[in-house]
Amino acid sequence: MFKLFLAFCLLILFLTPAFALADDYGLEKTAEEAGLKQGLMAQPIEAIIGSIIKVVLSVIGILFFGLMLYGGFRWMTARGETKLVEQAKDIIQAATIGLVIVSAAYAITHFVIKSLT
């Protein structure tokens, strides 16, 4: 069951950006006619790093959501077995702690960078 759930999460993770980036709606042609730079090299390094961080944080959010769903599903299907309930609680607790650590790291980094600039 876990393998099926993992396959479903990976499928959604890799297909969602494909739908969002399927068409540029004529923006490349418009930028070309306006004489604007295009592509990755047209952006400053800060914007590129910021985009990478956004993608990583989005993936972490999706993983957190998936782990919470998985832990809740395990808890609901435990049928009162103490060992399975404890495993489900451990999954939910570990996911929550991981999210708190990532959020704190992002907040501290954001604060330090804003203070320096």
PDB file of N, CA and C in Angstrom:
ATOM      1  N   MET A   1       0.821  -1.185   0.000  1.00  0.00           N
ATOM      2  CA  MET A   1       0.000   0.000   0.000  1.00  0.00           C
ATOM      3  C   MET A   1       0.872   1.258   0.000  1.00  0.00           C
ATOM      4  N   PHE A   2       1.982   1.194   0.765  1.00  0.00           N
ATOM      5  CA  PHE A   2       2.869   2.348   0.814  1.00  0.00           C
ATOM      6  C   PHE A   2       3.499   2.623  -0.551  1.00  0.00           C
ATOM      7  N   LYS A   3       3.852   1.566  -1.274  1.00  0.00           N
ATOM      8  CA  LYS A   3       4.462   1.741  -2.592  1.00  0.00           C
ATOM      9  C   LYS A   3       3.477   2.396  -3.558  1.00  0.00           C
ATOM     10  N   LEU A   4       2.219   2.032  -3.464  1.00  0.00           N
ATOM     11  CA  LEU A   4       1.195   2.643  -4.306  1.00  0.00           C
ATOM     12  C   LEU A   4       1.029   4.117  -3.958  1.00  0.00           C
ATOM     13  N   PHE A   5       1.007   4.417  -2.673  1.00  0.00           N
ATOM     14  CA  PHE A   5       0.897   5.804  -2.230  1.00  0.00           C
ATOM     15  C   PHE A   5       2.104   6.622  -2.684  1.00  0.00           C
ATOM     16  N   LEU A   6       3.294   6.061  -2.545  1.00  0.00           N
ATOM     17  CA  LEU A   6       4.513   6.743  -2.962  1.00  0.00           C
ATOM     18  C   LEU A   6       4.522   6.981  -4.470  1.00  0.00           C
ATOM     19  N   ALA A   7       4.084   5.997  -5.235  1.00  0.00           N
ATOM     20  CA  ALA A   7       4.017   6.154  -6.690  1.00  0.00           C
ATOM     21  C   ALA A   7       3.032   7.245  -7.070  1.00  0.00           C
ATOM     22  N   PHE A   8       1.912   7.305  -6.378  1.00  0.00           N
ATOM     23  CA  PHE A   8       0.920   8.352  -6.644  1.00  0.00           C
ATOM     24  C   PHE A   8       1.482   9.734  -6.339  1.00  0.00           C
ATOM     25  N   CYS A   9       2.174   9.882  -5.202  1.00  0.00           N
ATOM     26  CA  CYS A   9       2.769  11.172  -4.841  1.00  0.00           C
ATOM     27  C   CYS A   9       3.829  11.590  -5.855  1.00  0.00           C
ATOM     28  N   LEU A  10       4.663  10.667  -6.284  1.00  0.00           N
ATOM     29  CA  LEU A  10       5.696  10.990  -7.270  1.00  0.00           C
ATOM     30  C   LEU A  10       5.079  11.363  -8.615  1.00  0.00           C
ATOM     31  N   LEU A  11       4.015  10.690  -8.982  1.00  0.00           N
ATOM     32  CA  LEU A  11       3.328  11.001 -10.231  1.00  0.00           C
ATOM     33  C   LEU A  11       2.779  12.424 -10.193  1.00  0.00           C
ATOM     34  N   ILE A  12       2.147  12.786  -9.111  1.00  0.00           N
ATOM     35  CA  ILE A  12       1.606  14.145  -8.979  1.00  0.00           C
ATOM     36  C   ILE A  12       2.739  15.159  -8.935  1.00  0.00           C
ATOM     37  N   LEU A  13       3.816  14.830  -8.240  1.00  0.00           N
ATOM     38  CA  LEU A  13       4.953  15.740  -8.112  1.00  0.00           C
ATOM     39  C   LEU A  13       5.568  16.064  -9.462  1.00  0.00           C
ATOM     40  N   PHE A  14       5.667  15.071 -10.344  1.00  0.00           N
ATOM     41  CA  PHE A  14       6.327  15.301 -11.621  1.00  0.00           C
ATOM     42  C   PHE A  14       5.379  15.763 -12.723  1.00  0.00           C
ATOM     43  N   LEU A  15       4.087  15.494 -12.616  1.00  0.00           N
ATOM     44  CA  LEU A  15       3.157  15.900 -13.665  1.00  0.00           C
ATOM     45  C   LEU A  15       2.587  17.289 -13.469  1.00  0.00           C
ATOM     46  N   THR A  16       2.478  17.752 -12.243  1.00  0.00           N
ATOM     47  CA  THR A  16       1.886  19.062 -11.995  1.00  0.00           C
ATOM     48  C   THR A  16       2.654  20.190 -12.682  1.00  0.00           C
ATOM     49  N   PRO A  17       3.993  20.263 -12.581  1.00  0.00           N
ATOM     50  CA  PRO A  17       4.692  21.331 -13.295  1.00  0.00           C
ATOM     51  C   PRO A  17       4.544  21.224 -14.816  1.00  0.00           C
ATOM     52  N   ALA A  18       4.391  20.019 -15.327  1.00  0.00           N
ATOM     53  CA  ALA A  18       4.246  19.859 -16.774  1.00  0.00           C
ATOM     54  C   ALA A  18       2.961  20.511 -17.266  1.00  0.00           C
ATOM     55  N   PHE A  19       1.897  20.414 -16.494  1.00  0.00           N
ATOM     56  CA  PHE A  19       0.643  21.063 -16.879  1.00  0.00           C
ATOM     57  C   PHE A  19       0.765  22.579 -16.785  1.00  0.00           C
ATOM     58  N   ALA A  20       1.466  23.069 -15.772  1.00  0.00           N
ATOM     59  CA  ALA A  20       1.587  24.509 -15.577  1.00  0.00           C
ATOM     60  C   ALA A  20       2.490  25.144 -16.637  1.00  0.00           C
ATOM     61  N   LEU A  21       3.470  24.408 -17.126  1.00  0.00           N
ATOM     62  CA  LEU A  21       4.433  24.954 -18.077  1.00  0.00           C
ATOM     63  C   LEU A  21       4.175  24.481 -19.504  1.00  0.00           C
ATOM     64  N   ALA A  22       2.977  24.009 -19.770  1.00  0.00           N
ATOM     65  CA  ALA A  22       2.685  23.413 -21.069  1.00  0.00           C
ATOM     66  C   ALA A  22       2.741  24.430 -22.198  1.00  0.00           C
ATOM     67  N   ASP A  23       2.359  25.663 -21.952  1.00  0.00           N
ATOM     68  CA  ASP A  23       2.320  26.662 -23.015  1.00  0.00           C
ATOM     69  C   ASP A  23       2.765  27.997 -22.443  1.00  0.00           C
ATOM     70  N   ASP A  24       3.464  28.778 -23.253  1.00  0.00           N
ATOM     71  CA  ASP A  24       3.908  30.080 -22.770  1.00  0.00           C
ATOM     72  C   ASP A  24       2.937  31.197 -23.143  1.00  0.00           C
ATOM     73  N   TYR A  25       1.848  30.849 -23.811  1.00  0.00           N
ATOM     74  CA  TYR A  25       0.766  31.788 -24.149  1.00  0.00           C
ATOM     75  C   TYR A  25       1.270  32.974 -24.975  1.00  0.00           C
ATOM     76  N   GLY A  26       2.301  32.766 -25.775  1.00  0.00           N
ATOM     77  CA  GLY A  26       2.810  33.808 -26.651  1.00  0.00           C
ATOM     78  C   GLY A  26       3.748  34.786 -25.975  1.00  0.00           C
ATOM     79  N   LEU A  27       4.164  34.503 -24.753  1.00  0.00           N
ATOM     80  CA  LEU A  27       5.012  35.441 -24.021  1.00  0.00           C
ATOM     81  C   LEU A  27       6.422  35.508 -24.600  1.00  0.00           C
ATOM     82  N   GLU A  28       6.951  34.400 -25.107  1.00  0.00           N
ATOM     83  CA  GLU A  28       8.292  34.422 -25.692  1.00  0.00           C
ATOM     84  C   GLU A  28       8.328  35.315 -26.930  1.00  0.00           C
ATOM     85  N   LYS A  29       7.318  35.207 -27.769  1.00  0.00           N
ATOM     86  CA  LYS A  29       7.265  36.023 -28.979  1.00  0.00           C
ATOM     87  C   LYS A  29       7.128  37.500 -28.619  1.00  0.00           C
ATOM     88  N   THR A  30       6.318  37.811 -27.632  1.00  0.00           N
ATOM     89  CA  THR A  30       6.139  39.191 -27.203  1.00  0.00           C
ATOM     90  C   THR A  30       7.437  39.762 -26.649  1.00  0.00           C
ATOM     91  N   ALA A  31       8.144  38.978 -25.817  1.00  0.00           N
ATOM     92  CA  ALA A  31       9.407  39.444 -25.257  1.00  0.00           C
ATOM     93  C   ALA A  31      10.449  39.642 -26.348  1.00  0.00           C
ATOM     94  N   GLU A  32      10.456  38.760 -27.337  1.00  0.00           N
ATOM     95  CA  GLU A  32      11.404  38.878 -28.441  1.00  0.00           C
ATOM     96  C   GLU A  32      11.152  40.155 -29.242  1.00  0.00           C
ATOM     97  N   GLU A  33       9.888  40.450 -29.508  1.00  0.00           N
ATOM     98  CA  GLU A  33       9.554  41.663 -30.259  1.00  0.00           C
ATOM     99  C   GLU A  33       9.857  42.923 -29.464  1.00  0.00           C
ATOM    100  N   ALA A  34       9.779  42.829 -28.134  1.00  0.00           N
ATOM    101  CA  ALA A  34      10.073  43.986 -27.300  1.00  0.00           C
ATOM    102  C   ALA A  34      11.568  44.163 -27.062  1.00  0.00           C
ATOM    103  N   GLY A  35      12.366  43.182 -27.483  1.00  0.00           N
ATOM    104  CA  GLY A  35      13.819  43.270 -27.326  1.00  0.00           C
ATOM    105  C   GLY A  35      14.287  42.923 -25.931  1.00  0.00           C
ATOM    106  N   LEU A  36      13.509  42.160 -25.198  1.00  0.00           N
ATOM    107  CA  LEU A  36      13.898  41.777 -23.841  1.00  0.00           C
ATOM    108  C   LEU A  36      14.714  40.501 -23.857  1.00  0.00           C
ATOM    109  N   LYS A  37      15.585  40.367 -22.874  1.00  0.00           N
ATOM    110  CA  LYS A  37      16.368  39.147 -22.739  1.00  0.00           C
ATOM    111  C   LYS A  37      15.445  38.020 -22.312  1.00  0.00           C
ATOM    112  N   GLN A  38      15.803  36.826 -22.733  1.00  0.00           N
ATOM    113  CA  GLN A  38      15.005  35.666 -22.376  1.00  0.00           C
ATOM    114  C   GLN A  38      15.871  34.599 -21.750  1.00  0.00           C
ATOM    115  N   GLY A  39      15.232  33.702 -21.064  1.00  0.00           N
ATOM    116  CA  GLY A  39      15.917  32.544 -20.524  1.00  0.00           C
ATOM    117  C   GLY A  39      16.463  32.760 -19.134  1.00  0.00           C
ATOM    118  N   LEU A  40      17.201  31.774 -18.698  1.00  0.00           N
ATOM    119  CA  LEU A  40      17.712  31.754 -17.342  1.00  0.00           C
ATOM    120  C   LEU A  40      18.778  32.822 -17.123  1.00  0.00           C
ATOM    121  N   MET A  41      19.577  33.111 -18.134  1.00  0.00           N
ATOM    122  CA  MET A  41      20.674  34.066 -17.967  1.00  0.00           C
ATOM    123  C   MET A  41      20.195  35.510 -17.887  1.00  0.00           C
ATOM    124  N   ALA A  42      18.921  35.764 -18.196  1.00  0.00           N
ATOM    125  CA  ALA A  42      18.403  37.118 -18.125  1.00  0.00           C
ATOM    126  C   ALA A  42      18.102  37.525 -16.686  1.00  0.00           C
ATOM    127  N   GLN A  43      18.068  36.569 -15.772  1.00  0.00           N
ATOM    128  CA  GLN A  43      17.731  36.848 -14.383  1.00  0.00           C
ATOM    129  C   GLN A  43      19.003  36.969 -13.550  1.00  0.00           C
ATOM    130  N   PRO A  44      18.964  37.812 -12.514  1.00  0.00           N
ATOM    131  CA  PRO A  44      20.122  37.867 -11.611  1.00  0.00           C
ATOM    132  C   PRO A  44      20.221  36.592 -10.785  1.00  0.00           C
ATOM    133  N   ILE A  45      21.401  36.345 -10.240  1.00  0.00           N
ATOM    134  CA  ILE A  45      21.654  35.107  -9.493  1.00  0.00           C
ATOM    135  C   ILE A  45      20.745  34.993  -8.282  1.00  0.00           C
ATOM    136  N   GLU A  46      20.393  36.125  -7.674  1.00  0.00           N
ATOM    137  CA  GLU A  46      19.516  36.092  -6.499  1.00  0.00           C
ATOM    138  C   GLU A  46      18.134  35.537  -6.865  1.00  0.00           C
ATOM    139  N   ALA A  47      17.642  35.923  -8.028  1.00  0.00           N
ATOM    140  CA  ALA A  47      16.337  35.432  -8.472  1.00  0.00           C
ATOM    141  C   ALA A  47      16.378  33.941  -8.771  1.00  0.00           C
ATOM    142  N   ILE A  48      17.482  33.482  -9.336  1.00  0.00           N
ATOM    143  CA  ILE A  48      17.622  32.056  -9.638  1.00  0.00           C
ATOM    144  C   ILE A  48      17.664  31.244  -8.347  1.00  0.00           C
ATOM    145  N   ILE A  49      18.457  31.704  -7.378  1.00  0.00           N
ATOM    146  CA  ILE A  49      18.544  31.002  -6.093  1.00  0.00           C
ATOM    147  C   ILE A  49      17.200  31.034  -5.382  1.00  0.00           C
ATOM    148  N   GLY A  50      16.514  32.170  -5.439  1.00  0.00           N
ATOM    149  CA  GLY A  50      15.190  32.267  -4.836  1.00  0.00           C
ATOM    150  C   GLY A  50      14.203  31.302  -5.465  1.00  0.00           C
ATOM    151  N   SER A  51      14.278  31.137  -6.772  1.00  0.00           N
ATOM    152  CA  SER A  51      13.398  30.182  -7.455  1.00  0.00           C
ATOM    153  C   SER A  51      13.697  28.751  -7.033  1.00  0.00           C
ATOM    154  N   ILE A  52      14.967  28.435  -6.889  1.00  0.00           N
ATOM    155  CA  ILE A  52      15.350  27.091  -6.449  1.00  0.00           C
ATOM    156  C   ILE A  52      14.838  26.837  -5.033  1.00  0.00           C
ATOM    157  N   ILE A  53      14.978  27.817  -4.159  1.00  0.00           N
ATOM    158  CA  ILE A  53      14.502  27.666  -2.783  1.00  0.00           C
ATOM    159  C   ILE A  53      12.987  27.479  -2.758  1.00  0.00           C
ATOM    160  N   LYS A  54      12.263  28.223  -3.591  1.00  0.00           N
ATOM    161  CA  LYS A  54      10.809  28.063  -3.651  1.00  0.00           C
ATOM    162  C   LYS A  54      10.425  26.656  -4.071  1.00  0.00           C
ATOM    163  N   VAL A  55      11.138  26.115  -5.052  1.00  0.00           N
ATOM    164  CA  VAL A  55      10.842  24.755  -5.514  1.00  0.00           C
ATOM    165  C   VAL A  55      11.124  23.743  -4.407  1.00  0.00           C
ATOM    166  N   VAL A  56      12.250  23.898  -3.727  1.00  0.00           N
ATOM    167  CA  VAL A  56      12.612  22.965  -2.652  1.00  0.00           C
ATOM    168  C   VAL A  56      11.582  23.032  -1.525  1.00  0.00           C
ATOM    169  N   LEU A  57      11.184  24.241  -1.144  1.00  0.00           N
ATOM    170  CA  LEU A  57      10.185  24.376  -0.077  1.00  0.00           C
ATOM    171  C   LEU A  57       8.836  23.813  -0.506  1.00  0.00           C
ATOM    172  N   SER A  58       8.499  23.945  -1.765  1.00  0.00           N
ATOM    173  CA  SER A  58       7.252  23.362  -2.256  1.00  0.00           C
ATOM    174  C   SER A  58       7.292  21.837  -2.182  1.00  0.00           C
ATOM    175  N   VAL A  59       8.421  21.255  -2.561  1.00  0.00           N
ATOM    176  CA  VAL A  59       8.566  19.796  -2.492  1.00  0.00           C
ATOM    177  C   VAL A  59       8.489  19.330  -1.037  1.00  0.00           C
ATOM    178  N   ILE A  60       9.101  20.078  -0.138  1.00  0.00           N
ATOM    179  CA  ILE A  60       9.048  19.715   1.279  1.00  0.00           C
ATOM    180  C   ILE A  60       7.609  19.800   1.791  1.00  0.00           C
ATOM    181  N   GLY A  61       6.867  20.809   1.366  1.00  0.00           N
ATOM    182  CA  GLY A  61       5.462  20.913   1.755  1.00  0.00           C
ATOM    183  C   GLY A  61       4.643  19.745   1.240  1.00  0.00           C
ATOM    184  N   ILE A  62       4.904  19.329   0.013  1.00  0.00           N
ATOM    185  CA  ILE A  62       4.192  18.177  -0.559  1.00  0.00           C
ATOM    186  C   ILE A  62       4.546  16.907   0.203  1.00  0.00           C
ATOM    187  N   LEU A  63       5.827  16.746   0.546  1.00  0.00           N
ATOM    188  CA  LEU A  63       6.236  15.570   1.320  1.00  0.00           C
ATOM    189  C   LEU A  63       5.581  15.563   2.703  1.00  0.00           C
ATOM    190  N   PHE A  64       5.512  16.738   3.343  1.00  0.00           N
ATOM    191  CA  PHE A  64       4.856  16.824   4.646  1.00  0.00           C
ATOM    192  C   PHE A  64       3.394  16.414   4.535  1.00  0.00           C
ATOM    193  N   PHE A  65       2.711  16.948   3.542  1.00  0.00           N
ATOM    194  CA  PHE A  65       1.307  16.610   3.344  1.00  0.00           C
ATOM    195  C   PHE A  65       1.140  15.107   3.101  1.00  0.00           C
ATOM    196  N   GLY A  66       2.004  14.539   2.265  1.00  0.00           N
ATOM    197  CA  GLY A  66       1.941  13.112   1.983  1.00  0.00           C
ATOM    198  C   GLY A  66       2.197  12.269   3.224  1.00  0.00           C
ATOM    199  N   LEU A  67       3.179  12.660   4.037  1.00  0.00           N
ATOM    200  CA  LEU A  67       3.452  11.912   5.265  1.00  0.00           C
ATOM    201  C   LEU A  67       2.309  12.022   6.258  1.00  0.00           C
ATOM    202  N   MET A  68       1.688  13.193   6.339  1.00  0.00           N
ATOM    203  CA  MET A  68       0.534  13.345   7.232  1.00  0.00           C
ATOM    204  C   MET A  68      -0.622  12.467   6.768  1.00  0.00           C
ATOM    205  N   LEU A  69      -0.872  12.439   5.473  1.00  0.00           N
ATOM    206  CA  LEU A  69      -1.926  11.565   4.956  1.00  0.00           C
ATOM    207  C   LEU A  69      -1.610  10.100   5.227  1.00  0.00           C
ATOM    208  N   TYR A  70      -0.375   9.717   4.985  1.00  0.00           N
ATOM    209  CA  TYR A  70       0.034   8.334   5.203  1.00  0.00           C
ATOM    210  C   TYR A  70      -0.087   7.956   6.682  1.00  0.00           C
ATOM    211  N   GLY A  71       0.394   8.825   7.580  1.00  0.00           N
ATOM    212  CA  GLY A  71       0.291   8.562   9.014  1.00  0.00           C
ATOM    213  C   GLY A  71      -1.159   8.473   9.466  1.00  0.00           C
ATOM    214  N   GLY A  72      -2.002   9.367   8.965  1.00  0.00           N
ATOM    215  CA  GLY A  72      -3.417   9.317   9.305  1.00  0.00           C
ATOM    216  C   GLY A  72      -4.089   8.063   8.784  1.00  0.00           C
ATOM    217  N   PHE A  73      -3.735   7.663   7.578  1.00  0.00           N
ATOM    218  CA  PHE A  73      -4.290   6.437   7.006  1.00  0.00           C
ATOM    219  C   PHE A  73      -3.860   5.223   7.823  1.00  0.00           C
ATOM    220  N   ARG A  74      -2.589   5.187   8.207  1.00  0.00           N
ATOM    221  CA  ARG A  74      -2.100   4.069   9.027  1.00  0.00           C
ATOM    222  C   ARG A  74      -2.817   4.024  10.371  1.00  0.00           C
ATOM    223  N   TRP A  75      -3.073   5.205  10.950  1.00  0.00           N
ATOM    224  CA  TRP A  75      -3.740   5.265  12.238  1.00  0.00           C
ATOM    225  C   TRP A  75      -5.192   4.781  12.106  1.00  0.00           C
ATOM    226  N   MET A  76      -5.850   5.216  11.042  1.00  0.00           N
ATOM    227  CA  MET A  76      -7.250   4.832  10.851  1.00  0.00           C
ATOM    228  C   MET A  76      -7.398   3.333  10.572  1.00  0.00           C
ATOM    229  N   THR A  77      -6.423   2.754   9.914  1.00  0.00           N
ATOM    230  CA  THR A  77      -6.518   1.329   9.579  1.00  0.00           C
ATOM    231  C   THR A  77      -5.825   0.433  10.608  1.00  0.00           C
ATOM    232  N   ALA A  78      -5.394   0.995  11.722  1.00  0.00           N
ATOM    233  CA  ALA A  78      -4.698   0.214  12.752  1.00  0.00           C
ATOM    234  C   ALA A  78      -5.652  -0.714  13.506  1.00  0.00           C
ATOM    235  N   ARG A  79      -6.930  -0.404  13.508  1.00  0.00           N
ATOM    236  CA  ARG A  79      -7.953  -1.225  14.180  1.00  0.00           C
ATOM    237  C   ARG A  79      -7.644  -1.430  15.661  1.00  0.00           C
ATOM    238  N   GLY A  80      -7.112  -0.408  16.276  1.00  0.00           N
ATOM    239  CA  GLY A  80      -6.873  -0.464  17.713  1.00  0.00           C
ATOM    240  C   GLY A  80      -5.612  -1.185  18.130  1.00  0.00           C
ATOM    241  N   GLU A  81      -4.814  -1.687  17.178  1.00  0.00           N
ATOM    242  CA  GLU A  81      -3.560  -2.351  17.531  1.00  0.00           C
ATOM    243  C   GLU A  81      -2.550  -1.303  17.989  1.00  0.00           C
ATOM    244  N   THR A  82      -2.104  -1.455  19.199  1.00  0.00           N
ATOM    245  CA  THR A  82      -1.257  -0.444  19.832  1.00  0.00           C
ATOM    246  C   THR A  82       0.026  -0.204  19.046  1.00  0.00           C
ATOM    247  N   LYS A  83       0.635  -1.258  18.555  1.00  0.00           N
ATOM    248  CA  LYS A  83       1.900  -1.117  17.818  1.00  0.00           C
ATOM    249  C   LYS A  83       1.710  -0.290  16.552  1.00  0.00           C
ATOM    250  N   LEU A  84       0.654  -0.548  15.805  1.00  0.00           N
ATOM    251  CA  LEU A  84       0.403   0.202  14.566  1.00  0.00           C
ATOM    252  C   LEU A  84       0.020   1.647  14.841  1.00  0.00           C
ATOM    253  N   VAL A  85      -0.730   1.861  15.920  1.00  0.00           N
ATOM    254  CA  VAL A  85      -1.092   3.233  16.291  1.00  0.00           C
ATOM    255  C   VAL A  85       0.155   4.023  16.668  1.00  0.00           C
ATOM    256  N   GLU A  86       1.045   3.412  17.415  1.00  0.00           N
ATOM    257  CA  GLU A  86       2.292   4.084  17.804  1.00  0.00           C
ATOM    258  C   GLU A  86       3.154   4.404  16.572  1.00  0.00           C
ATOM    259  N   GLN A  87       3.206   3.498  15.614  1.00  0.00           N
ATOM    260  CA  GLN A  87       3.959   3.763  14.380  1.00  0.00           C
ATOM    261  C   GLN A  87       3.355   4.940  13.634  1.00  0.00           C
ATOM    262  N   ALA A  88       2.032   4.988  13.565  1.00  0.00           N
ATOM    263  CA  ALA A  88       1.368   6.099  12.878  1.00  0.00           C
ATOM    264  C   ALA A  88       1.638   7.409  13.600  1.00  0.00           C
ATOM    265  N   LYS A  89       1.575   7.391  14.932  1.00  0.00           N
ATOM    266  CA  LYS A  89       1.868   8.605  15.701  1.00  0.00           C
ATOM    267  C   LYS A  89       3.311   9.053  15.470  1.00  0.00           C
ATOM    268  N   ASP A  90       4.226   8.103  15.400  1.00  0.00           N
ATOM    269  CA  ASP A  90       5.635   8.438  15.159  1.00  0.00           C
ATOM    270  C   ASP A  90       5.822   9.079  13.786  1.00  0.00           C
ATOM    271  N   ILE A  91       5.114   8.581  12.782  1.00  0.00           N
ATOM    272  CA  ILE A  91       5.203   9.164  11.427  1.00  0.00           C
ATOM    273  C   ILE A  91       4.697  10.601  11.446  1.00  0.00           C
ATOM    274  N   ILE A  92       3.552  10.814  12.078  1.00  0.00           N
ATOM    275  CA  ILE A  92       2.968  12.157  12.133  1.00  0.00           C
ATOM    276  C   ILE A  92       3.867  13.092  12.931  1.00  0.00           C
ATOM    277  N   GLN A  93       4.394  12.610  14.046  1.00  0.00           N
ATOM    278  CA  GLN A  93       5.275  13.437  14.873  1.00  0.00           C
ATOM    279  C   GLN A  93       6.565  13.789  14.125  1.00  0.00           C
ATOM    280  N   ALA A  94       7.164  12.827  13.448  1.00  0.00           N
ATOM    281  CA  ALA A  94       8.401  13.087  12.706  1.00  0.00           C
ATOM    282  C   ALA A  94       8.155  14.076  11.564  1.00  0.00           C
ATOM    283  N   ALA A  95       7.031  13.948  10.888  1.00  0.00           N
ATOM    284  CA  ALA A  95       6.716  14.883   9.801  1.00  0.00           C
ATOM    285  C   ALA A  95       6.539  16.296  10.338  1.00  0.00           C
ATOM    286  N   THR A  96       5.852  16.420  11.467  1.00  0.00           N
ATOM    287  CA  THR A  96       5.633  17.743  12.056  1.00  0.00           C
ATOM    288  C   THR A  96       6.944  18.362  12.529  1.00  0.00           C
ATOM    289  N   ILE A  97       7.784  17.583  13.177  1.00  0.00           N
ATOM    290  CA  ILE A  97       9.085  18.090  13.629  1.00  0.00           C
ATOM    291  C   ILE A  97       9.931  18.521  12.431  1.00  0.00           C
ATOM    292  N   GLY A  98       9.927  17.730  11.368  1.00  0.00           N
ATOM    293  CA  GLY A  98      10.673  18.098  10.163  1.00  0.00           C
ATOM    294  C   GLY A  98      10.185  19.398   9.562  1.00  0.00           C
ATOM    295  N   LEU A  99       8.877  19.580   9.509  1.00  0.00           N
ATOM    296  CA  LEU A  99       8.327  20.823   8.970  1.00  0.00           C
ATOM    297  C   LEU A  99       8.695  22.018   9.843  1.00  0.00           C
ATOM    298  N   VAL A 100       8.659  21.845  11.157  1.00  0.00           N
ATOM    299  CA  VAL A 100       9.041  22.934  12.066  1.00  0.00           C
ATOM    300  C   VAL A 100      10.506  23.298  11.884  1.00  0.00           C
ATOM    301  N   ILE A 101      11.370  22.292  11.739  1.00  0.00           N
ATOM    302  CA  ILE A 101      12.801  22.563  11.550  1.00  0.00           C
ATOM    303  C   ILE A 101      13.040  23.307  10.238  1.00  0.00           C
ATOM    304  N   VAL A 102      12.407  22.866   9.166  1.00  0.00           N
ATOM    305  CA  VAL A 102      12.589  23.531   7.868  1.00  0.00           C
ATOM    306  C   VAL A 102      12.037  24.954   7.914  1.00  0.00           C
ATOM    307  N   SER A 103      10.888  25.145   8.538  1.00  0.00           N
ATOM    308  CA  SER A 103      10.294  26.480   8.643  1.00  0.00           C
ATOM    309  C   SER A 103      11.177  27.406   9.478  1.00  0.00           C
ATOM    310  N   ALA A 104      11.724  26.896  10.578  1.00  0.00           N
ATOM    311  CA  ALA A 104      12.609  27.703  11.417  1.00  0.00           C
ATOM    312  C   ALA A 104      13.888  28.072  10.667  1.00  0.00           C
ATOM    313  N   ALA A 105      14.443  27.124   9.923  1.00  0.00           N
ATOM    314  CA  ALA A 105      15.654  27.413   9.152  1.00  0.00           C
ATOM    315  C   ALA A 105      15.379  28.488   8.101  1.00  0.00           C
ATOM    316  N   TYR A 106      14.218  28.395   7.444  1.00  0.00           N
ATOM    317  CA  TYR A 106      13.867  29.404   6.447  1.00  0.00           C
ATOM    318  C   TYR A 106      13.683  30.765   7.111  1.00  0.00           C
ATOM    319  N   ALA A 107      12.987  30.802   8.258  1.00  0.00           N
ATOM    320  CA  ALA A 107      12.745  32.076   8.942  1.00  0.00           C
ATOM    321  C   ALA A 107      14.048  32.716   9.403  1.00  0.00           C
ATOM    322  N   ILE A 108      14.946  31.922   9.955  1.00  0.00           N
ATOM    323  CA  ILE A 108      16.232  32.459  10.414  1.00  0.00           C
ATOM    324  C   ILE A 108      17.047  32.974   9.235  1.00  0.00           C
ATOM    325  N   THR A 109      17.094  32.206   8.154  1.00  0.00           N
ATOM    326  CA  THR A 109      17.834  32.640   6.966  1.00  0.00           C
ATOM    327  C   THR A 109      17.248  33.914   6.386  1.00  0.00           C
ATOM    328  N   HIS A 110      15.931  33.981   6.312  1.00  0.00           N
ATOM    329  CA  HIS A 110      15.259  35.174   5.781  1.00  0.00           C
ATOM    330  C   HIS A 110      15.573  36.393   6.650  1.00  0.00           C
ATOM    331  N   PHE A 111      15.528  36.225   7.965  1.00  0.00           N
ATOM    332  CA  PHE A 111      15.826  37.318   8.876  1.00  0.00           C
ATOM    333  C   PHE A 111      17.264  37.797   8.739  1.00  0.00           C
ATOM    334  N   VAL A 112      18.213  36.870   8.661  1.00  0.00           N
ATOM    335  CA  VAL A 112      19.630  37.254   8.560  1.00  0.00           C
ATOM    336  C   VAL A 112      19.889  37.972   7.236  1.00  0.00           C
ATOM    337  N   ILE A 113      19.338  37.452   6.153  1.00  0.00           N
ATOM    338  CA  ILE A 113      19.570  38.070   4.842  1.00  0.00           C
ATOM    339  C   ILE A 113      18.933  39.466   4.787  1.00  0.00           C
ATOM    340  N   LYS A 114      17.741  39.610   5.330  1.00  0.00           N
ATOM    341  CA  LYS A 114      17.096  40.931   5.354  1.00  0.00           C
ATOM    342  C   LYS A 114      17.864  41.900   6.224  1.00  0.00           C
ATOM    343  N   SER A 115      18.457  41.413   7.310  1.00  0.00           N
ATOM    344  CA  SER A 115      19.230  42.279   8.195  1.00  0.00           C
ATOM    345  C   SER A 115      20.534  42.733   7.541  1.00  0.00           C
ATOM    346  N   LEU A 116      21.121  41.881   6.716  1.00  0.00           N
ATOM    347  CA  LEU A 116      22.387  42.225   6.067  1.00  0.00           C
ATOM    348  C   LEU A 116      22.211  43.136   4.856  1.00  0.00           C
ATOM    349  N   THR A 117      21.052  43.080   4.231  1.00  0.00           N
ATOM    350  CA  THR A 117      20.872  43.898   3.014  1.00  0.00           C
ATOM    351  C   THR A 117      20.093  45.152   3.294  1.00  0.00           C
TER     352      THR A 117
END
